[in-house]
C-alpha atoms as a PDB file:
ATOM      1  CA  UNK A   1     104.962 157.458  60.687  1.00  0.00           C
ATOM      2  CA  UNK A   2     101.664 155.603  61.201  1.00  0.00           C
ATOM      3  CA  UNK A   3     103.061 152.726  62.911  1.00  0.00           C
ATOM      4  CA  UNK A   4     105.318 154.554  65.124  1.00  0.00           C
ATOM      5  CA  UNK A   5     102.095 156.438  66.404  1.00  0.00           C
ATOM      6  CA  UNK A   6      99.882 153.357  66.964  1.00  0.00           C
ATOM      7  CA  UNK A   7     102.501 151.351  68.698  1.00  0.00           C
ATOM      8  CA  UNK A   8     103.479 154.371  70.945  1.00  0.00           C
ATOM      9  CA  UNK A   9      99.597 155.242  71.504  1.00  0.00           C
ATOM     10  CA  UNK A  10      98.748 152.533  74.273  1.00  0.00           C
ATOM     11  CA  UNK A  11     102.293 153.570  76.112  1.00  0.00           C
ATOM     12  CA  UNK A  12     100.776 156.959  76.055  1.00  0.00           C
ATOM     13  CA  UNK A  13      97.989 155.477  78.667  1.00  0.00           C
ATOM     14  CA  UNK A  14     100.461 153.414  80.554  1.00  0.00           C
ATOM     15  CA  UNK A  15     102.693 157.001  81.152  1.00  0.00           C
ATOM     16  CA  UNK A  16      99.402 158.609  82.037  1.00  0.00           C
ATOM     17  CA  UNK A  17      98.961 155.964  84.969  1.00  0.00           C
ATOM     18  CA  UNK A  18     101.687 156.351  86.216  1.00  0.00           C
ATOM     19  CA  UNK A  19     101.391 160.359  85.961  1.00  0.00           C
ATOM     20  CA  UNK A  20      98.239 159.510  88.001  1.00  0.00           C
ATOM     21  CA  UNK A  21      99.830 157.414  90.480  1.00  0.00           C
ATOM     22  CA  UNK A  22     102.961 160.257  91.241  1.00  0.00           C
ATOM     23  CA  UNK A  23      99.899 162.578  91.536  1.00  0.00           C
ATOM     24  CA  UNK A  24      98.219 160.601  93.799  1.00  0.00           C
ATOM     25  CA  UNK A  25     101.628 160.320  96.084  1.00  0.00           C
ATOM     26  CA  UNK A  26     100.754 164.034  96.534  1.00  0.00           C
ATOM     27  CA  UNK A  27      97.440 164.211  97.102  1.00  0.00           C
ATOM     28  CA  UNK A  28      97.927 161.908  99.821  1.00  0.00           C
ATOM     29  CA  UNK A  29     100.520 164.557 101.786  1.00  0.00           C
ATOM     30  CA  UNK A  30      97.270 166.627 101.275  1.00  0.00           C
ATOM     31  CA  UNK A  31      95.076 164.430 103.204  1.00  0.00           C
ATOM     32  CA  UNK A  32      92.452 164.414 100.080  1.00  0.00           C
ATOM     33  CA  UNK A  33      91.087 161.023 100.265  1.00  0.00           C
ATOM     34  CA  UNK A  34      88.654 161.879  97.377  1.00  0.00           C
ATOM     35  CA  UNK A  35      90.862 162.738  95.066  1.00  0.00           C
ATOM     36  CA  UNK A  36      93.355 160.165  96.032  1.00  0.00           C
ATOM     37  CA  UNK A  37      90.361 157.644  95.155  1.00  0.00           C
ATOM     38  CA  UNK A  38      89.405 159.262  91.851  1.00  0.00           C
ATOM     39  CA  UNK A  39      93.244 160.096  91.005  1.00  0.00           C
ATOM     40  CA  UNK A  40      93.169 156.375  91.351  1.00  0.00           C
ATOM     41  CA  UNK A  41      90.292 155.074  89.314  1.00  0.00           C
ATOM     42  CA  UNK A  42      91.751 157.274  86.927  1.00  0.00           C
ATOM     43  CA  UNK A  43      95.003 155.139  86.664  1.00  0.00           C
ATOM     44  CA  UNK A  44      93.155 152.280  86.683  1.00  0.00           C
ATOM     45  CA  UNK A  45      91.169 153.176  83.423  1.00  0.00           C
ATOM     46  CA  UNK A  46      94.164 154.038  81.937  1.00  0.00           C
ATOM     47  CA  UNK A  47      96.127 150.412  83.065  1.00  0.00           C
ATOM     48  CA  UNK A  48      92.985 148.959  81.659  1.00  0.00           C
ATOM     49  CA  UNK A  49      92.949 150.894  78.318  1.00  0.00           C
ATOM     50  CA  UNK A  50      96.572 150.718  77.247  1.00  0.00           C
ATOM     51  CA  UNK A  51      96.473 146.628  77.377  1.00  0.00           C
ATOM     52  CA  UNK A  52      93.176 146.781  75.537  1.00  0.00           C
ATOM     53  CA  UNK A  53      94.868 149.019  73.238  1.00  0.00           C
ATOM     54  CA  UNK A  54      97.891 147.203  72.550  1.00  0.00           C
ATOM     55  CA  UNK A  55      95.743 143.940  72.018  1.00  0.00           C
ATOM     56  CA  UNK A  56      93.598 145.762  69.147  1.00  0.00           C
ATOM     57  CA  UNK A  57      96.324 147.751  67.558  1.00  0.00           C
ATOM     58  CA  UNK A  58      98.334 144.450  67.693  1.00  0.00           C
ATOM     59  CA  UNK A  59     101.136 146.928  69.201  1.00  0.00           C
ATOM     60  CA  UNK A  60     102.223 144.674  72.339  1.00  0.00           C
ATOM     61  CA  UNK A  61     105.970 144.916  73.031  1.00  0.00           C
ATOM     62  CA  UNK A  62     108.191 144.486  75.724  1.00  0.00           C
ATOM     63  CA  UNK A  63     108.896 147.839  76.325  1.00  0.00           C
ATOM     64  CA  UNK A  64     104.943 148.096  77.062  1.00  0.00           C
ATOM     65  CA  UNK A  65     105.484 145.200  79.133  1.00  0.00           C
ATOM     66  CA  UNK A  66     107.800 146.519  81.292  1.00  0.00           C
ATOM     67  CA  UNK A  67     106.378 149.815  81.728  1.00  0.00           C
ATOM     68  CA  UNK A  68     103.140 149.051  82.329  1.00  0.00           C
ATOM     69  CA  UNK A  69     104.887 147.369  85.227  1.00  0.00           C
ATOM     70  CA  UNK A  70     106.604 150.252  86.651  1.00  0.00           C
ATOM     71  CA  UNK A  71     103.297 152.105  86.509  1.00  0.00           C
ATOM     72  CA  UNK A  72     101.473 149.341  88.656  1.00  0.00           C
ATOM     73  CA  UNK A  73     103.948 149.578  91.130  1.00  0.00           C
ATOM     74  CA  UNK A  74     103.578 153.280  91.546  1.00  0.00           C
ATOM     75  CA  UNK A  75      99.890 153.790  91.480  1.00  0.00           C
ATOM     76  CA  UNK A  76      99.022 150.717  93.150  1.00  0.00           C
ATOM     77  CA  UNK A  77     102.323 149.699  95.333  1.00  0.00           C
ATOM     78  CA  UNK A  78     103.707 152.847  96.265  1.00  0.00           C
ATOM     79  CA  UNK A  79     101.077 155.235  96.160  1.00  0.00           C
ATOM     80  CA  UNK A  80      99.225 153.350  98.587  1.00  0.00           C
ATOM     81  CA  UNK A  81     101.704 153.170 100.868  1.00  0.00           C
ATOM     82  CA  UNK A  82     102.479 156.967 101.169  1.00  0.00           C
ATOM     83  CA  UNK A  83      98.513 157.425 101.653  1.00  0.00           C
ATOM     84  CA  UNK A  84      98.394 154.897 104.336  1.00  0.00           C
ATOM     85  CA  UNK A  85     101.901 156.660 106.206  1.00  0.00           C
ATOM     86  CA  UNK A  86     100.198 160.036 105.479  1.00  0.00           C
ATOM     87  CA  UNK A  87      96.596 158.682 106.745  1.00  0.00           C
ATOM     88  CA  UNK A  88      98.187 157.702 110.092  1.00  0.00           C
ATOM     89  CA  UNK A  89     100.246 160.595 111.194  1.00  0.00           C
ATOM     90  CA  UNK A  90      97.429 163.233 111.868  1.00  0.00           C
ATOM     91  CA  UNK A  91      96.105 161.107 114.605  1.00  0.00           C
ATOM     92  CA  UNK A  92      99.572 158.708 115.438  1.00  0.00           C
ATOM     93  CA  UNK A  93     100.424 161.195 118.398  1.00  0.00           C
ATOM     94  CA  UNK A  94      97.239 160.348 120.023  1.00  0.00           C
ATOM     95  CA  UNK A  95      96.931 156.319 120.273  1.00  0.00           C
ATOM     96  CA  UNK A  96      97.673 154.972 123.401  1.00  0.00           C
ATOM     97  CA  UNK A  97     100.007 152.512 122.186  1.00  0.00           C
ATOM     98  CA  UNK A  98     103.827 152.512 123.027  1.00  0.00           C
ATOM     99  CA  UNK A  99     106.204 154.328 120.834  1.00  0.00           C
ATOM    100  CA  UNK A 100     107.873 151.220 119.561  1.00  0.00           C
ATOM    101  CA  UNK A 101     104.751 149.904 117.971  1.00  0.00           C
ATOM    102  CA  UNK A 102     103.976 152.922 116.682  1.00  0.00           C
ATOM    103  CA  UNK A 103     107.100 153.446 114.828  1.00  0.00           C
ATOM    104  CA  UNK A 104     106.129 149.821 113.427  1.00  0.00           C
ATOM    105  CA  UNK A 105     102.641 150.965 112.457  1.00  0.00           C
ATOM    106  CA  UNK A 106     104.398 153.936 110.225  1.00  0.00           C
ATOM    107  CA  UNK A 107     106.571 151.504 109.099  1.00  0.00           C
ATOM    108  CA  UNK A 108     104.198 148.451 107.707  1.00  0.00           C
ATOM    109  CA  UNK A 109     102.912 150.168 104.814  1.00  0.00           C
ATOM    110  CA  UNK A 110     106.271 150.422 103.078  1.00  0.00           C
ATOM    111  CA  UNK A 111     106.273 146.371 103.133  1.00  0.00           C
ATOM    112  CA  UNK A 112     103.369 146.392 100.272  1.00  0.00           C
ATOM    113  CA  UNK A 113     105.392 148.232  97.513  1.00  0.00           C
ATOM    114  CA  UNK A 114     108.102 145.616  97.902  1.00  0.00           C
ATOM    115  CA  UNK A 115     105.037 142.920  97.875  1.00  0.00           C
ATOM    116  CA  UNK A 116     103.318 144.596  94.876  1.00  0.00           C
ATOM    117  CA  UNK A 117     107.343 144.466  92.686  1.00  0.00           C
ATOM    118  CA  UNK A 118     107.435 140.677  93.621  1.00  0.00           C
ATOM    119  CA  UNK A 119     103.996 140.209  92.574  1.00  0.00           C
ATOM    120  CA  UNK A 120     104.399 142.315  88.875  1.00  0.00           C
ATOM    121  CA  UNK A 121     107.732 140.521  88.428  1.00  0.00           C
ATOM    122  CA  UNK A 122     106.363 137.307  88.724  1.00  0.00           C
ATOM    123  CA  UNK A 123     103.688 138.110  86.308  1.00  0.00           C
ATOM    124  CA  UNK A 124     106.242 139.421  83.458  1.00  0.00           C
ATOM    125  CA  UNK A 125     108.458 136.556  84.333  1.00  0.00           C
ATOM    126  CA  UNK A 126     105.698 133.642  84.040  1.00  0.00           C
ATOM    127  CA  UNK A 127     101.763 135.204  82.547  1.00  0.00           C
ATOM    128  CA  UNK A 128      99.020 132.889  83.666  1.00  0.00           C
ATOM    129  CA  UNK A 129      98.155 130.372  81.004  1.00  0.00           C
ATOM    130  CA  UNK A 130      94.612 130.909  81.980  1.00  0.00           C
ATOM    131  CA  UNK A 131      93.014 134.260  80.972  1.00  0.00           C
ATOM    132  CA  UNK A 132      90.026 133.936  83.407  1.00  0.00           C
ATOM    133  CA  UNK A 133      92.485 134.080  86.487  1.00  0.00           C
ATOM    134  CA  UNK A 134      95.155 135.866  88.003  1.00  0.00           C
ATOM    135  CA  UNK A 135      97.523 133.971  90.423  1.00  0.00           C
ATOM    136  CA  UNK A 136      97.304 136.214  93.752  1.00  0.00           C
ATOM    137  CA  UNK A 137      95.518 139.572  94.015  1.00  0.00           C
ATOM    138  CA  UNK A 138      95.966 141.846  91.105  1.00  0.00           C
ATOM    139  CA  UNK A 139      98.290 145.209  92.156  1.00  0.00           C
ATOM    140  CA  UNK A 140      95.204 147.358  90.483  1.00  0.00           C
ATOM    141  CA  UNK A 141      92.741 145.703  92.848  1.00  0.00           C
ATOM    142  CA  UNK A 142      95.044 146.371  96.069  1.00  0.00           C
ATOM    143  CA  UNK A 143      95.053 149.765  95.450  1.00  0.00           C
ATOM    144  CA  UNK A 144      91.267 150.549  94.656  1.00  0.00           C
ATOM    145  CA  UNK A 145      90.582 148.526  98.209  1.00  0.00           C
ATOM    146  CA  UNK A 146      92.748 151.096 100.281  1.00  0.00           C
ATOM    147  CA  UNK A 147      91.504 153.785  98.130  1.00  0.00           C
ATOM    148  CA  UNK A 148      87.662 153.377  98.977  1.00  0.00           C
ATOM    149  CA  UNK A 149      89.189 152.172 102.873  1.00  0.00           C
ATOM    150  CA  UNK A 150      91.250 155.433 103.435  1.00  0.00           C
ATOM    151  CA  UNK A 151      87.905 157.469 101.466  1.00  0.00           C
ATOM    152  CA  UNK A 152      85.986 155.915 104.279  1.00  0.00           C
ATOM    153  CA  UNK A 153      88.483 157.652 107.056  1.00  0.00           C
ATOM    154  CA  UNK A 154      88.863 154.896 109.614  1.00  0.00           C
ATOM    155  CA  UNK A 155      88.968 155.357 112.823  1.00  0.00           C
ATOM    156  CA  UNK A 156      88.548 153.696 116.331  1.00  0.00           C
ATOM    157  CA  UNK A 157      89.645 149.862 116.250  1.00  0.00           C
ATOM    158  CA  UNK A 158      90.969 149.900 112.472  1.00  0.00           C
ATOM    159  CA  UNK A 159      93.353 152.040 113.735  1.00  0.00           C
ATOM    160  CA  UNK A 160      94.188 149.533 116.603  1.00  0.00           C
ATOM    161  CA  UNK A 161      97.339 147.657 115.964  1.00  0.00           C
ATOM    162  CA  UNK A 162      96.296 144.446 115.254  1.00  0.00           C
ATOM    163  CA  UNK A 163      93.570 146.074 112.647  1.00  0.00           C
ATOM    164  CA  UNK A 164      95.997 147.942 111.361  1.00  0.00           C
ATOM    165  CA  UNK A 165      99.030 145.250 110.754  1.00  0.00           C
ATOM    166  CA  UNK A 166      95.944 142.446 110.167  1.00  0.00           C
ATOM    167  CA  UNK A 167      94.500 144.299 106.643  1.00  0.00           C
ATOM    168  CA  UNK A 168      98.401 145.211 105.724  1.00  0.00           C
ATOM    169  CA  UNK A 169      99.623 141.507 106.251  1.00  0.00           C
ATOM    170  CA  UNK A 170      96.130 140.113 104.348  1.00  0.00           C
ATOM    171  CA  UNK A 171      96.549 142.393 101.449  1.00  0.00           C
ATOM    172  CA  UNK A 172     100.311 141.728 101.198  1.00  0.00           C
ATOM    173  CA  UNK A 173     100.092 138.212 101.382  1.00  0.00           C
ATOM    174  CA  UNK A 174      97.150 138.055  98.958  1.00  0.00           C
ATOM    175  CA  UNK A 175      99.270 139.746  96.412  1.00  0.00           C
ATOM    176  CA  UNK A 176     102.112 137.120  96.342  1.00  0.00           C
ATOM    177  CA  UNK A 177     100.010 134.659  96.735  1.00  0.00           C
ATOM    178  CA  UNK A 178      98.863 131.870  94.324  1.00  0.00           C
ATOM    179  CA  UNK A 179      95.438 132.320  95.135  1.00  0.00           C
ATOM    180  CA  UNK A 180      93.390 132.267  92.035  1.00  0.00           C
ATOM    181  CA  UNK A 181      91.465 136.064  91.441  1.00  0.00           C
ATOM    182  CA  UNK A 182      89.168 136.316  88.844  1.00  0.00           C
ATOM    183  CA  UNK A 183      90.096 138.361  85.978  1.00  0.00           C
ATOM    184  CA  UNK A 184      87.999 141.565  85.427  1.00  0.00           C
ATOM    185  CA  UNK A 185      89.161 141.855  81.843  1.00  0.00           C
ATOM    186  CA  UNK A 186      88.271 138.461  80.825  1.00  0.00           C
ATOM    187  CA  UNK A 187      84.899 137.626  78.366  1.00  0.00           C
ATOM    188  CA  UNK A 188      84.957 134.500  79.702  1.00  0.00           C
ATOM    189  CA  UNK A 189      83.944 135.886  83.443  1.00  0.00           C
ATOM    190  CA  UNK A 190      80.865 137.574  82.633  1.00  0.00           C
ATOM    191  CA  UNK A 191      78.405 135.241  83.735  1.00  0.00           C
ATOM    192  CA  UNK A 192      80.533 134.778  86.971  1.00  0.00           C
ATOM    193  CA  UNK A 193      80.466 138.529  87.510  1.00  0.00           C
ATOM    194  CA  UNK A 194      76.718 139.140  86.565  1.00  0.00           C
ATOM    195  CA  UNK A 195      76.104 136.902  89.590  1.00  0.00           C
ATOM    196  CA  UNK A 196      78.774 138.945  91.969  1.00  0.00           C
ATOM    197  CA  UNK A 197      78.388 142.154  90.907  1.00  0.00           C
ATOM    198  CA  UNK A 198      74.592 142.435  92.186  1.00  0.00           C
ATOM    199  CA  UNK A 199      75.791 140.841  95.655  1.00  0.00           C
ATOM    200  CA  UNK A 200      78.361 143.285  96.109  1.00  0.00           C
ATOM    201  CA  UNK A 201      76.016 146.104  95.715  1.00  0.00           C
ATOM    202  CA  UNK A 202      73.992 144.155  98.345  1.00  0.00           C
ATOM    203  CA  UNK A 203      76.910 143.578 100.611  1.00  0.00           C
ATOM    204  CA  UNK A 204      77.625 147.162 100.118  1.00  0.00           C
ATOM    205  CA  UNK A 205      74.461 148.306 101.032  1.00  0.00           C
ATOM    206  CA  UNK A 206      74.478 146.494 104.351  1.00  0.00           C
ATOM    207  CA  UNK A 207      77.690 147.228 105.401  1.00  0.00           C
ATOM    208  CA  UNK A 208      77.227 151.146 104.444  1.00  0.00           C
ATOM    209  CA  UNK A 209      74.574 151.103 107.264  1.00  0.00           C
ATOM    210  CA  UNK A 210      76.891 149.391 110.140  1.00  0.00           C
ATOM    211  CA  UNK A 211      79.914 151.322 108.934  1.00  0.00           C
ATOM    212  CA  UNK A 212      81.477 152.184 105.861  1.00  0.00           C
ATOM    213  CA  UNK A 213      84.837 151.241 106.347  1.00  0.00           C
ATOM    214  CA  UNK A 214      83.907 147.942 106.481  1.00  0.00           C
ATOM    215  CA  UNK A 215      82.602 147.676 102.802  1.00  0.00           C
ATOM    216  CA  UNK A 216      86.205 147.400 101.120  1.00  0.00           C
ATOM    217  CA  UNK A 217      86.915 144.564 103.696  1.00  0.00           C
ATOM    218  CA  UNK A 218      83.915 142.887 102.621  1.00  0.00           C
ATOM    219  CA  UNK A 219      83.842 143.008  98.987  1.00  0.00           C
ATOM    220  CA  UNK A 220      87.249 142.172  99.027  1.00  0.00           C
ATOM    221  CA  UNK A 221      86.116 138.535 100.734  1.00  0.00           C
ATOM    222  CA  UNK A 222      83.574 138.659  98.070  1.00  0.00           C
ATOM    223  CA  UNK A 223      86.291 138.774  95.188  1.00  0.00           C
ATOM    224  CA  UNK A 224      88.512 136.120  96.837  1.00  0.00           C
ATOM    225  CA  UNK A 225      85.749 134.021  98.169  1.00  0.00           C
ATOM    226  CA  UNK A 226      84.565 134.066  94.351  1.00  0.00           C
ATOM    227  CA  UNK A 227      87.108 133.958  92.234  1.00  0.00           C
ATOM    228  CA  UNK A 228      88.133 130.581  94.535  1.00  0.00           C
ATOM    229  CA  UNK A 229      84.442 129.210  94.112  1.00  0.00           C
ATOM    230  CA  UNK A 230      84.688 130.202  89.971  1.00  0.00           C
ATOM    231  CA  UNK A 231      87.879 128.477  89.964  1.00  0.00           C
ATOM    232  CA  UNK A 232      86.884 125.086  91.540  1.00  0.00           C
ATOM    233  CA  UNK A 233      83.374 125.311  89.532  1.00  0.00           C
ATOM    234  CA  UNK A 234      85.289 126.154  86.382  1.00  0.00           C
ATOM    235  CA  UNK A 235      87.916 122.790  87.154  1.00  0.00           C
ATOM    236  CA  UNK A 236      85.297 120.357  88.175  1.00  0.00           C
ATOM    237  CA  UNK A 237      83.645 120.796  84.261  1.00  0.00           C
ATOM    238  CA  UNK A 238      86.886 120.826  82.814  1.00  0.00           C
ATOM    239  CA  UNK A 239      87.355 117.459  84.220  1.00  0.00           C
ATOM    240  CA  UNK A 240      83.762 116.303  83.495  1.00  0.00           C
ATOM    241  CA  UNK A 241      84.658 117.281  80.022  1.00  0.00           C
ATOM    242  CA  UNK A 242      87.686 115.573  79.943  1.00  0.00           C
ATOM    243  CA  UNK A 243      86.070 112.053  81.354  1.00  0.00           C
ATOM    244  CA  UNK A 244      82.960 112.584  78.503  1.00  0.00           C
ATOM    245  CA  UNK A 245      85.700 112.185  75.718  1.00  0.00           C
END
């Protein structure tokens, strides 16, 4: 009985992630962007806890692995797509663009769940050999970007087709790319994060004084650029270590 409860406990948090992601979709129809962001943050907390508990309790399983991917797809792939759709619905009739352009602006967000599904399936089929880095933007980070961006209620040029399509293409391509992204769960990355986190606060504060909607794209660039820099430096150290033997 104890072993059954122990093995189910991590999956309970995974189901919590799934439930919160489903509720986030409902909140997007109410245009409650603060509630949407807080719900996705809670879903990310569940996503972090399920893996940690599974390792701590030695209760990792194939069912838990597949369930985790399904929950992440809903919370960080499908929920952001519906949020973007519902955010655009209200100003859409007032945007001075052709009917076909406006149609594709509404449709474009639904490419994100497809790319998130591809990224999650690739991760399950071939888990990373280096625990310090992920290949491609992690889906929780993808969800966090859109939650933060919609929380600022972007308007003006952000709703221009070039900006709208550009962000969707950028985030979608980042998920399925081979670009290295730092794992925020790895203890080996604490030294790098101790530099990136204060820098993120400085950049965030500066962007807030200009336009809060700039903050999520700026932090994404910092995360992506910083990850590549750390990967290159780590590779250099590994090469030096090998050549030194």
